[in-house]
Amino acid sequence: MPLYIKDPAVDTLVDQYLAATGMTNKTEAVRRALSDQLNALAAKESLTDRVARIQLRAAEAGFVSSGSDIAADKAFMDEQWGED
């Protein structure tokens, strides 16, 4: 299905993209920009993976909470954030 975009702002963005990349074909520029963006999104680390990686680094450094003393954990976090 063809895509027709009649928006001056989008046309301006494509022109800027063409100028920045040295490309001359608007269709190819849109194809490449969308493809690059999809690749970047696919390569982006998920929040779950980021948190797991940080938790692993914290555990390796010895920063592991047993979860048994929530008040002490809160006090520690408050102190770290300067909220003591």
PDB file of N, CA and C in Angstrom:
ATOM      1  N   MET A   1       0.849  -1.177   0.000  1.00  0.00           N
ATOM      2  CA  MET A   1       0.000   0.000   0.000  1.00  0.00           C
ATOM      3  C   MET A   1       0.896   1.242   0.000  1.00  0.00           C
ATOM      4  N   PRO A   2       0.672   2.148  -0.914  1.00  0.00           N
ATOM      5  CA  PRO A   2       1.488   3.363  -0.975  1.00  0.00           C
ATOM      6  C   PRO A   2       1.285   4.250   0.238  1.00  0.00           C
ATOM      7  N   LEU A   3       2.288   5.020   0.500  1.00  0.00           N
ATOM      8  CA  LEU A   3       2.245   5.964   1.614  1.00  0.00           C
ATOM      9  C   LEU A   3       2.364   7.368   1.049  1.00  0.00           C
ATOM     10  N   TYR A   4       1.363   8.172   1.311  1.00  0.00           N
ATOM     11  CA  TYR A   4       1.382   9.564   0.867  1.00  0.00           C
ATOM     12  C   TYR A   4       1.325  10.455   2.103  1.00  0.00           C
ATOM     13  N   ILE A   5       2.337  11.270   2.251  1.00  0.00           N
ATOM     14  CA  ILE A   5       2.384  12.165   3.400  1.00  0.00           C
ATOM     15  C   ILE A   5       2.367  13.598   2.873  1.00  0.00           C
ATOM     16  N   LYS A   6       1.335  14.307   3.225  1.00  0.00           N
ATOM     17  CA  LYS A   6       1.215  15.703   2.781  1.00  0.00           C
ATOM     18  C   LYS A   6       1.277  16.599   4.001  1.00  0.00           C
ATOM     19  N   ASP A   7       2.480  16.707   4.529  1.00  0.00           N
ATOM     20  CA  ASP A   7       2.719  17.513   5.722  1.00  0.00           C
ATOM     21  C   ASP A   7       4.003  18.298   5.500  1.00  0.00           C
ATOM     22  N   PRO A   8       3.909  19.614   5.453  1.00  0.00           N
ATOM     23  CA  PRO A   8       5.112  20.423   5.198  1.00  0.00           C
ATOM     24  C   PRO A   8       6.225  20.189   6.219  1.00  0.00           C
ATOM     25  N   ALA A   9       5.868  19.913   7.460  1.00  0.00           N
ATOM     26  CA  ALA A   9       6.890  19.676   8.483  1.00  0.00           C
ATOM     27  C   ALA A   9       7.668  18.390   8.179  1.00  0.00           C
ATOM     28  N   VAL A  10       6.970  17.354   7.733  1.00  0.00           N
ATOM     29  CA  VAL A  10       7.633  16.100   7.379  1.00  0.00           C
ATOM     30  C   VAL A  10       8.517  16.322   6.154  1.00  0.00           C
ATOM     31  N   ASP A  11       8.033  17.078   5.201  1.00  0.00           N
ATOM     32  CA  ASP A  11       8.816  17.377   4.010  1.00  0.00           C
ATOM     33  C   ASP A  11      10.104  18.116   4.396  1.00  0.00           C
ATOM     34  N   THR A  12      10.007  19.033   5.324  1.00  0.00           N
ATOM     35  CA  THR A  12      11.180  19.763   5.795  1.00  0.00           C
ATOM     36  C   THR A  12      12.167  18.823   6.478  1.00  0.00           C
ATOM     37  N   LEU A  13      11.644  17.903   7.299  1.00  0.00           N
ATOM     38  CA  LEU A  13      12.519  16.934   7.968  1.00  0.00           C
ATOM     39  C   LEU A  13      13.228  16.046   6.951  1.00  0.00           C
ATOM     40  N   VAL A  14      12.514  15.609   5.932  1.00  0.00           N
ATOM     41  CA  VAL A  14      13.140  14.776   4.901  1.00  0.00           C
ATOM     42  C   VAL A  14      14.213  15.576   4.162  1.00  0.00           C
ATOM     43  N   ASP A  15      13.924  16.828   3.851  1.00  0.00           N
ATOM     44  CA  ASP A  15      14.930  17.668   3.196  1.00  0.00           C
ATOM     45  C   ASP A  15      16.178  17.822   4.071  1.00  0.00           C
ATOM     46  N   GLN A  16      15.980  18.003   5.363  1.00  0.00           N
ATOM     47  CA  GLN A  16      17.122  18.117   6.283  1.00  0.00           C
ATOM     48  C   GLN A  16      17.907  16.813   6.329  1.00  0.00           C
ATOM     49  N   TYR A  17      17.187  15.686   6.335  1.00  0.00           N
ATOM     50  CA  TYR A  17      17.833  14.376   6.339  1.00  0.00           C
ATOM     51  C   TYR A  17      18.641  14.189   5.058  1.00  0.00           C
ATOM     52  N   LEU A  18      18.053  14.570   3.919  1.00  0.00           N
ATOM     53  CA  LEU A  18      18.758  14.466   2.650  1.00  0.00           C
ATOM     54  C   LEU A  18      20.048  15.284   2.677  1.00  0.00           C
ATOM     55  N   ALA A  19      19.960  16.491   3.190  1.00  0.00           N
ATOM     56  CA  ALA A  19      21.134  17.357   3.257  1.00  0.00           C
ATOM     57  C   ALA A  19      22.205  16.773   4.177  1.00  0.00           C
ATOM     58  N   ALA A  20      21.780  16.217   5.294  1.00  0.00           N
ATOM     59  CA  ALA A  20      22.729  15.685   6.280  1.00  0.00           C
ATOM     60  C   ALA A  20      23.410  14.408   5.792  1.00  0.00           C
ATOM     61  N   THR A  21      22.688  13.612   4.999  1.00  0.00           N
ATOM     62  CA  THR A  21      23.235  12.323   4.562  1.00  0.00           C
ATOM     63  C   THR A  21      23.834  12.362   3.169  1.00  0.00           C
ATOM     64  N   GLY A  22      23.510  13.407   2.417  1.00  0.00           N
ATOM     65  CA  GLY A  22      23.986  13.472   1.039  1.00  0.00           C
ATOM     66  C   GLY A  22      23.139  12.661   0.083  1.00  0.00           C
ATOM     67  N   MET A  23      22.053  12.107   0.582  1.00  0.00           N
ATOM     68  CA  MET A  23      21.149  11.342  -0.282  1.00  0.00           C
ATOM     69  C   MET A  23      20.340  12.311  -1.140  1.00  0.00           C
ATOM     70  N   THR A  24      19.771  11.786  -2.232  1.00  0.00           N
ATOM     71  CA  THR A  24      18.980  12.642  -3.116  1.00  0.00           C
ATOM     72  C   THR A  24      17.564  12.124  -3.331  1.00  0.00           C
ATOM     73  N   ASN A  25      17.307  10.884  -2.973  1.00  0.00           N
ATOM     74  CA  ASN A  25      16.006  10.272  -3.212  1.00  0.00           C
ATOM     75  C   ASN A  25      15.195  10.266  -1.920  1.00  0.00           C
ATOM     76  N   LYS A  26      14.050  10.945  -1.930  1.00  0.00           N
ATOM     77  CA  LYS A  26      13.244  11.051  -0.708  1.00  0.00           C
ATOM     78  C   LYS A  26      12.714   9.699  -0.245  1.00  0.00           C
ATOM     79  N   THR A  27      12.281   8.871  -1.174  1.00  0.00           N
ATOM     80  CA  THR A  27      11.759   7.552  -0.800  1.00  0.00           C
ATOM     81  C   THR A  27      12.833   6.730  -0.102  1.00  0.00           C
ATOM     82  N   GLU A  28      14.034   6.710  -0.682  1.00  0.00           N
ATOM     83  CA  GLU A  28      15.133   5.962  -0.077  1.00  0.00           C
ATOM     84  C   GLU A  28      15.527   6.557   1.268  1.00  0.00           C
ATOM     85  N   ALA A  29      15.454   7.878   1.389  1.00  0.00           N
ATOM     86  CA  ALA A  29      15.783   8.530   2.658  1.00  0.00           C
ATOM     87  C   ALA A  29      14.805   8.119   3.751  1.00  0.00           C
ATOM     88  N   VAL A  30      13.520   8.100   3.426  1.00  0.00           N
ATOM     89  CA  VAL A  30      12.506   7.690   4.409  1.00  0.00           C
ATOM     90  C   VAL A  30      12.701   6.223   4.759  1.00  0.00           C
ATOM     91  N   ARG A  31      12.944   5.383   3.756  1.00  0.00           N
ATOM     92  CA  ARG A  31      13.178   3.949   3.993  1.00  0.00           C
ATOM     93  C   ARG A  31      14.358   3.760   4.931  1.00  0.00           C
ATOM     94  N   ARG A  32      15.455   4.465   4.645  1.00  0.00           N
ATOM     95  CA  ARG A  32      16.666   4.307   5.460  1.00  0.00           C
ATOM     96  C   ARG A  32      16.465   4.832   6.877  1.00  0.00           C
ATOM     97  N   ALA A  33      15.829   5.986   7.007  1.00  0.00           N
ATOM     98  CA  ALA A  33      15.613   6.558   8.340  1.00  0.00           C
ATOM     99  C   ALA A  33      14.733   5.639   9.186  1.00  0.00           C
ATOM    100  N   LEU A  34      13.672   5.117   8.591  1.00  0.00           N
ATOM    101  CA  LEU A  34      12.796   4.214   9.340  1.00  0.00           C
ATOM    102  C   LEU A  34      13.506   2.911   9.677  1.00  0.00           C
ATOM    103  N   SER A  35      14.255   2.374   8.737  1.00  0.00           N
ATOM    104  CA  SER A  35      15.001   1.141   8.985  1.00  0.00           C
ATOM    105  C   SER A  35      16.030   1.329  10.097  1.00  0.00           C
ATOM    106  N   ASP A  36      16.765   2.446  10.041  1.00  0.00           N
ATOM    107  CA  ASP A  36      17.766   2.727  11.082  1.00  0.00           C
ATOM    108  C   ASP A  36      17.112   2.867  12.449  1.00  0.00           C
ATOM    109  N   GLN A  37      15.968   3.532  12.492  1.00  0.00           N
ATOM    110  CA  GLN A  37      15.275   3.714  13.772  1.00  0.00           C
ATOM    111  C   GLN A  37      14.775   2.378  14.319  1.00  0.00           C
ATOM    112  N   LEU A  38      14.218   1.540  13.448  1.00  0.00           N
ATOM    113  CA  LEU A  38      13.760   0.217  13.894  1.00  0.00           C
ATOM    114  C   LEU A  38      14.920  -0.630  14.394  1.00  0.00           C
ATOM    115  N   ASN A  39      16.063  -0.560  13.719  1.00  0.00           N
ATOM    116  CA  ASN A  39      17.250  -1.293  14.177  1.00  0.00           C
ATOM    117  C   ASN A  39      17.720  -0.786  15.538  1.00  0.00           C
ATOM    118  N   ALA A  40      17.687   0.524  15.724  1.00  0.00           N
ATOM    119  CA  ALA A  40      18.103   1.106  17.008  1.00  0.00           C
ATOM    120  C   ALA A  40      17.161   0.665  18.121  1.00  0.00           C
ATOM    121  N   LEU A  41      15.871   0.640  17.845  1.00  0.00           N
ATOM    122  CA  LEU A  41      14.905   0.210  18.856  1.00  0.00           C
ATOM    123  C   LEU A  41      15.070  -1.270  19.186  1.00  0.00           C
ATOM    124  N   ALA A  42      15.351  -2.078  18.183  1.00  0.00           N
ATOM    125  CA  ALA A  42      15.540  -3.509  18.411  1.00  0.00           C
ATOM    126  C   ALA A  42      16.800  -3.781  19.222  1.00  0.00           C
ATOM    127  N   ALA A  43      17.818  -2.957  19.031  1.00  0.00           N
ATOM    128  CA  ALA A  43      19.094  -3.148  19.735  1.00  0.00           C
ATOM    129  C   ALA A  43      19.079  -2.570  21.143  1.00  0.00           C
ATOM    130  N   LYS A  44      18.071  -1.772  21.447  1.00  0.00           N
ATOM    131  CA  LYS A  44      18.016  -1.119  22.754  1.00  0.00           C
ATOM    132  C   LYS A  44      17.763  -2.156  23.851  1.00  0.00           C
ATOM    133  N   GLU A  45      18.541  -2.050  24.900  1.00  0.00           N
ATOM    134  CA  GLU A  45      18.419  -2.969  26.030  1.00  0.00           C
ATOM    135  C   GLU A  45      17.109  -2.702  26.772  1.00  0.00           C
ATOM    136  N   SER A  46      16.391  -3.759  27.087  1.00  0.00           N
ATOM    137  CA  SER A  46      15.114  -3.596  27.790  1.00  0.00           C
ATOM    138  C   SER A  46      15.363  -3.148  29.234  1.00  0.00           C
ATOM    139  N   LEU A  47      14.356  -2.534  29.816  1.00  0.00           N
ATOM    140  CA  LEU A  47      14.467  -2.091  31.198  1.00  0.00           C
ATOM    141  C   LEU A  47      14.725  -3.284  32.118  1.00  0.00           C
ATOM    142  N   THR A  48      14.068  -4.389  31.868  1.00  0.00           N
ATOM    143  CA  THR A  48      14.264  -5.590  32.682  1.00  0.00           C
ATOM    144  C   THR A  48      15.724  -6.043  32.629  1.00  0.00           C
ATOM    145  N   ASP A  49      16.299  -6.046  31.427  1.00  0.00           N
ATOM    146  CA  ASP A  49      17.700  -6.456  31.282  1.00  0.00           C
ATOM    147  C   ASP A  49      18.638  -5.459  31.948  1.00  0.00           C
ATOM    148  N   ARG A  50      18.342  -4.167  31.823  1.00  0.00           N
ATOM    149  CA  ARG A  50      19.183  -3.149  32.465  1.00  0.00           C
ATOM    150  C   ARG A  50      19.163  -3.301  33.977  1.00  0.00           C
ATOM    151  N   VAL A  51      17.965  -3.490  34.551  1.00  0.00           N
ATOM    152  CA  VAL A  51      17.853  -3.639  36.004  1.00  0.00           C
ATOM    153  C   VAL A  51      18.575  -4.900  36.460  1.00  0.00           C
ATOM    154  N   ALA A  52      18.410  -5.993  35.714  1.00  0.00           N
ATOM    155  CA  ALA A  52      19.088  -7.245  36.079  1.00  0.00           C
ATOM    156  C   ALA A  52      20.602  -7.067  36.051  1.00  0.00           C
ATOM    157  N   ARG A  53      21.110  -6.355  35.047  1.00  0.00           N
ATOM    158  CA  ARG A  53      22.555  -6.113  34.951  1.00  0.00           C
ATOM    159  C   ARG A  53      23.051  -5.271  36.127  1.00  0.00           C
ATOM    160  N   ILE A  54      22.292  -4.254  36.486  1.00  0.00           N
ATOM    161  CA  ILE A  54      22.674  -3.393  37.619  1.00  0.00           C
ATOM    162  C   ILE A  54      22.619  -4.180  38.922  1.00  0.00           C
ATOM    163  N   GLN A  55      21.590  -5.009  39.080  1.00  0.00           N
ATOM    164  CA  GLN A  55      21.482  -5.819  40.297  1.00  0.00           C
ATOM    165  C   GLN A  55      22.653  -6.794  40.403  1.00  0.00           C
ATOM    166  N   LEU A  56      23.052  -7.379  39.284  1.00  0.00           N
ATOM    167  CA  LEU A  56      24.185  -8.299  39.289  1.00  0.00           C
ATOM    168  C   LEU A  56      25.463  -7.570  39.677  1.00  0.00           C
ATOM    169  N   ARG A  57      25.683  -6.385  39.108  1.00  0.00           N
ATOM    170  CA  ARG A  57      26.869  -5.600  39.471  1.00  0.00           C
ATOM    171  C   ARG A  57      26.849  -5.224  40.946  1.00  0.00           C
ATOM    172  N   ALA A  58      25.679  -4.864  41.463  1.00  0.00           N
ATOM    173  CA  ALA A  58      25.566  -4.511  42.884  1.00  0.00           C
ATOM    174  C   ALA A  58      25.872  -5.724  43.754  1.00  0.00           C
ATOM    175  N   ALA A  59      25.343  -6.878  43.373  1.00  0.00           N
ATOM    176  CA  ALA A  59      25.596  -8.096  44.149  1.00  0.00           C
ATOM    177  C   ALA A  59      27.082  -8.452  44.126  1.00  0.00           C
ATOM    178  N   GLU A  60      27.708  -8.314  42.951  1.00  0.00           N
ATOM    179  CA  GLU A  60      29.138  -8.606  42.846  1.00  0.00           C
ATOM    180  C   GLU A  60      29.969  -7.654  43.698  1.00  0.00           C
ATOM    181  N   ALA A  61      29.471  -6.425  43.894  1.00  0.00           N
ATOM    182  CA  ALA A  61      30.181  -5.433  44.704  1.00  0.00           C
ATOM    183  C   ALA A  61      29.831  -5.554  46.182  1.00  0.00           C
ATOM    184  N   GLY A  62      28.920  -6.467  46.516  1.00  0.00           N
ATOM    185  CA  GLY A  62      28.562  -6.682  47.910  1.00  0.00           C
ATOM    186  C   GLY A  62      27.385  -5.864  48.401  1.00  0.00           C
ATOM    187  N   PHE A  63      26.685  -5.209  47.502  1.00  0.00           N
ATOM    188  CA  PHE A  63      25.517  -4.418  47.892  1.00  0.00           C
ATOM    189  C   PHE A  63      24.254  -5.245  47.688  1.00  0.00           C
ATOM    190  N   VAL A  64      24.018  -6.122  48.616  1.00  0.00           N
ATOM    191  CA  VAL A  64      22.852  -6.993  48.516  1.00  0.00           C
ATOM    192  C   VAL A  64      22.017  -6.838  49.775  1.00  0.00           C
ATOM    193  N   SER A  65      20.761  -6.571  49.585  1.00  0.00           N
ATOM    194  CA  SER A  65      19.851  -6.462  50.720  1.00  0.00           C
ATOM    195  C   SER A  65      19.199  -7.805  50.960  1.00  0.00           C
ATOM    196  N   SER A  66      19.163  -8.202  52.211  1.00  0.00           N
ATOM    197  CA  SER A  66      18.489  -9.463  52.535  1.00  0.00           C
ATOM    198  C   SER A  66      16.983  -9.288  52.505  1.00  0.00           C
ATOM    199  N   GLY A  67      16.543  -8.029  52.571  1.00  0.00           N
ATOM    200  CA  GLY A  67      15.110  -7.765  52.567  1.00  0.00           C
ATOM    201  C   GLY A  67      14.469  -8.003  53.916  1.00  0.00           C
ATOM    202  N   SER A  68      15.281  -8.365  54.913  1.00  0.00           N
ATOM    203  CA  SER A  68      14.720  -8.699  56.222  1.00  0.00           C
ATOM    204  C   SER A  68      14.524  -7.472  57.099  1.00  0.00           C
ATOM    205  N   ASP A  69      15.215  -6.389  56.791  1.00  0.00           N
ATOM    206  CA  ASP A  69      15.101  -5.188  57.614  1.00  0.00           C
ATOM    207  C   ASP A  69      14.759  -3.999  56.721  1.00  0.00           C
ATOM    208  N   ILE A  70      13.485  -3.897  56.395  1.00  0.00           N
ATOM    209  CA  ILE A  70      13.020  -2.870  55.471  1.00  0.00           C
ATOM    210  C   ILE A  70      13.295  -1.469  56.016  1.00  0.00           C
ATOM    211  N   ALA A  71      13.121  -1.270  57.316  1.00  0.00           N
ATOM    212  CA  ALA A  71      13.359   0.047  57.911  1.00  0.00           C
ATOM    213  C   ALA A  71      14.822   0.457  57.747  1.00  0.00           C
ATOM    214  N   ALA A  72      15.736  -0.484  57.948  1.00  0.00           N
ATOM    215  CA  ALA A  72      17.158  -0.185  57.793  1.00  0.00           C
ATOM    216  C   ALA A  72      17.475   0.101  56.326  1.00  0.00           C
ATOM    217  N   ASP A  73      16.858  -0.666  55.419  1.00  0.00           N
ATOM    218  CA  ASP A  73      17.067  -0.430  53.994  1.00  0.00           C
ATOM    219  C   ASP A  73      16.574   0.961  53.605  1.00  0.00           C
ATOM    220  N   LYS A  74      15.416   1.358  54.107  1.00  0.00           N
ATOM    221  CA  LYS A  74      14.864   2.676  53.798  1.00  0.00           C
ATOM    222  C   LYS A  74      15.774   3.764  54.357  1.00  0.00           C
ATOM    223  N   ALA A  75      16.231   3.576  55.568  1.00  0.00           N
ATOM    224  CA  ALA A  75      17.116   4.562  56.182  1.00  0.00           C
ATOM    225  C   ALA A  75      18.403   4.703  55.362  1.00  0.00           C
ATOM    226  N   PHE A  76      18.937   3.585  54.903  1.00  0.00           N
ATOM    227  CA  PHE A  76      20.139   3.614  54.085  1.00  0.00           C
ATOM    228  C   PHE A  76      19.890   4.382  52.784  1.00  0.00           C
ATOM    229  N   MET A  77      18.781   4.084  52.106  1.00  0.00           N
ATOM    230  CA  MET A  77      18.460   4.762  50.851  1.00  0.00           C
ATOM    231  C   MET A  77      18.219   6.252  51.081  1.00  0.00           C
ATOM    232  N   ASP A  78      17.515   6.582  52.148  1.00  0.00           N
ATOM    233  CA  ASP A  78      17.278   8.005  52.453  1.00  0.00           C
ATOM    234  C   ASP A  78      18.596   8.730  52.665  1.00  0.00           C
ATOM    235  N   GLU A  79      19.517   8.054  53.376  1.00  0.00           N
ATOM    236  CA  GLU A  79      20.821   8.674  53.627  1.00  0.00           C
ATOM    237  C   GLU A  79      21.576   8.889  52.318  1.00  0.00           C
ATOM    238  N   GLN A  80      21.511   7.898  51.434  1.00  0.00           N
ATOM    239  CA  GLN A  80      22.208   8.001  50.140  1.00  0.00           C
ATOM    240  C   GLN A  80      21.664   9.152  49.293  1.00  0.00           C
ATOM    241  N   TRP A  81      20.370   9.406  49.421  1.00  0.00           N
ATOM    242  CA  TRP A  81      19.735  10.488  48.662  1.00  0.00           C
ATOM    243  C   TRP A  81      19.758  11.823  49.405  1.00  0.00           C
ATOM    244  N   GLY A  82      20.411  11.816  50.565  1.00  0.00           N
ATOM    245  CA  GLY A  82      20.491  13.059  51.334  1.00  0.00           C
ATOM    246  C   GLY A  82      19.189  13.445  52.000  1.00  0.00           C
ATOM    247  N   GLU A  83      18.387  12.463  52.308  1.00  0.00           N
ATOM    248  CA  GLU A  83      17.078  12.702  52.914  1.00  0.00           C
ATOM    249  C   GLU A  83      17.040  12.176  54.353  1.00  0.00           C
ATOM    250  N   ASP A  84      18.149  12.290  55.058  1.00  0.00           N
ATOM    251  CA  ASP A  84      18.185  11.757  56.424  1.00  0.00           C
ATOM    252  C   ASP A  84      17.680  12.737  57.411  1.00  0.00           C
TER     253      ASP A  84
END
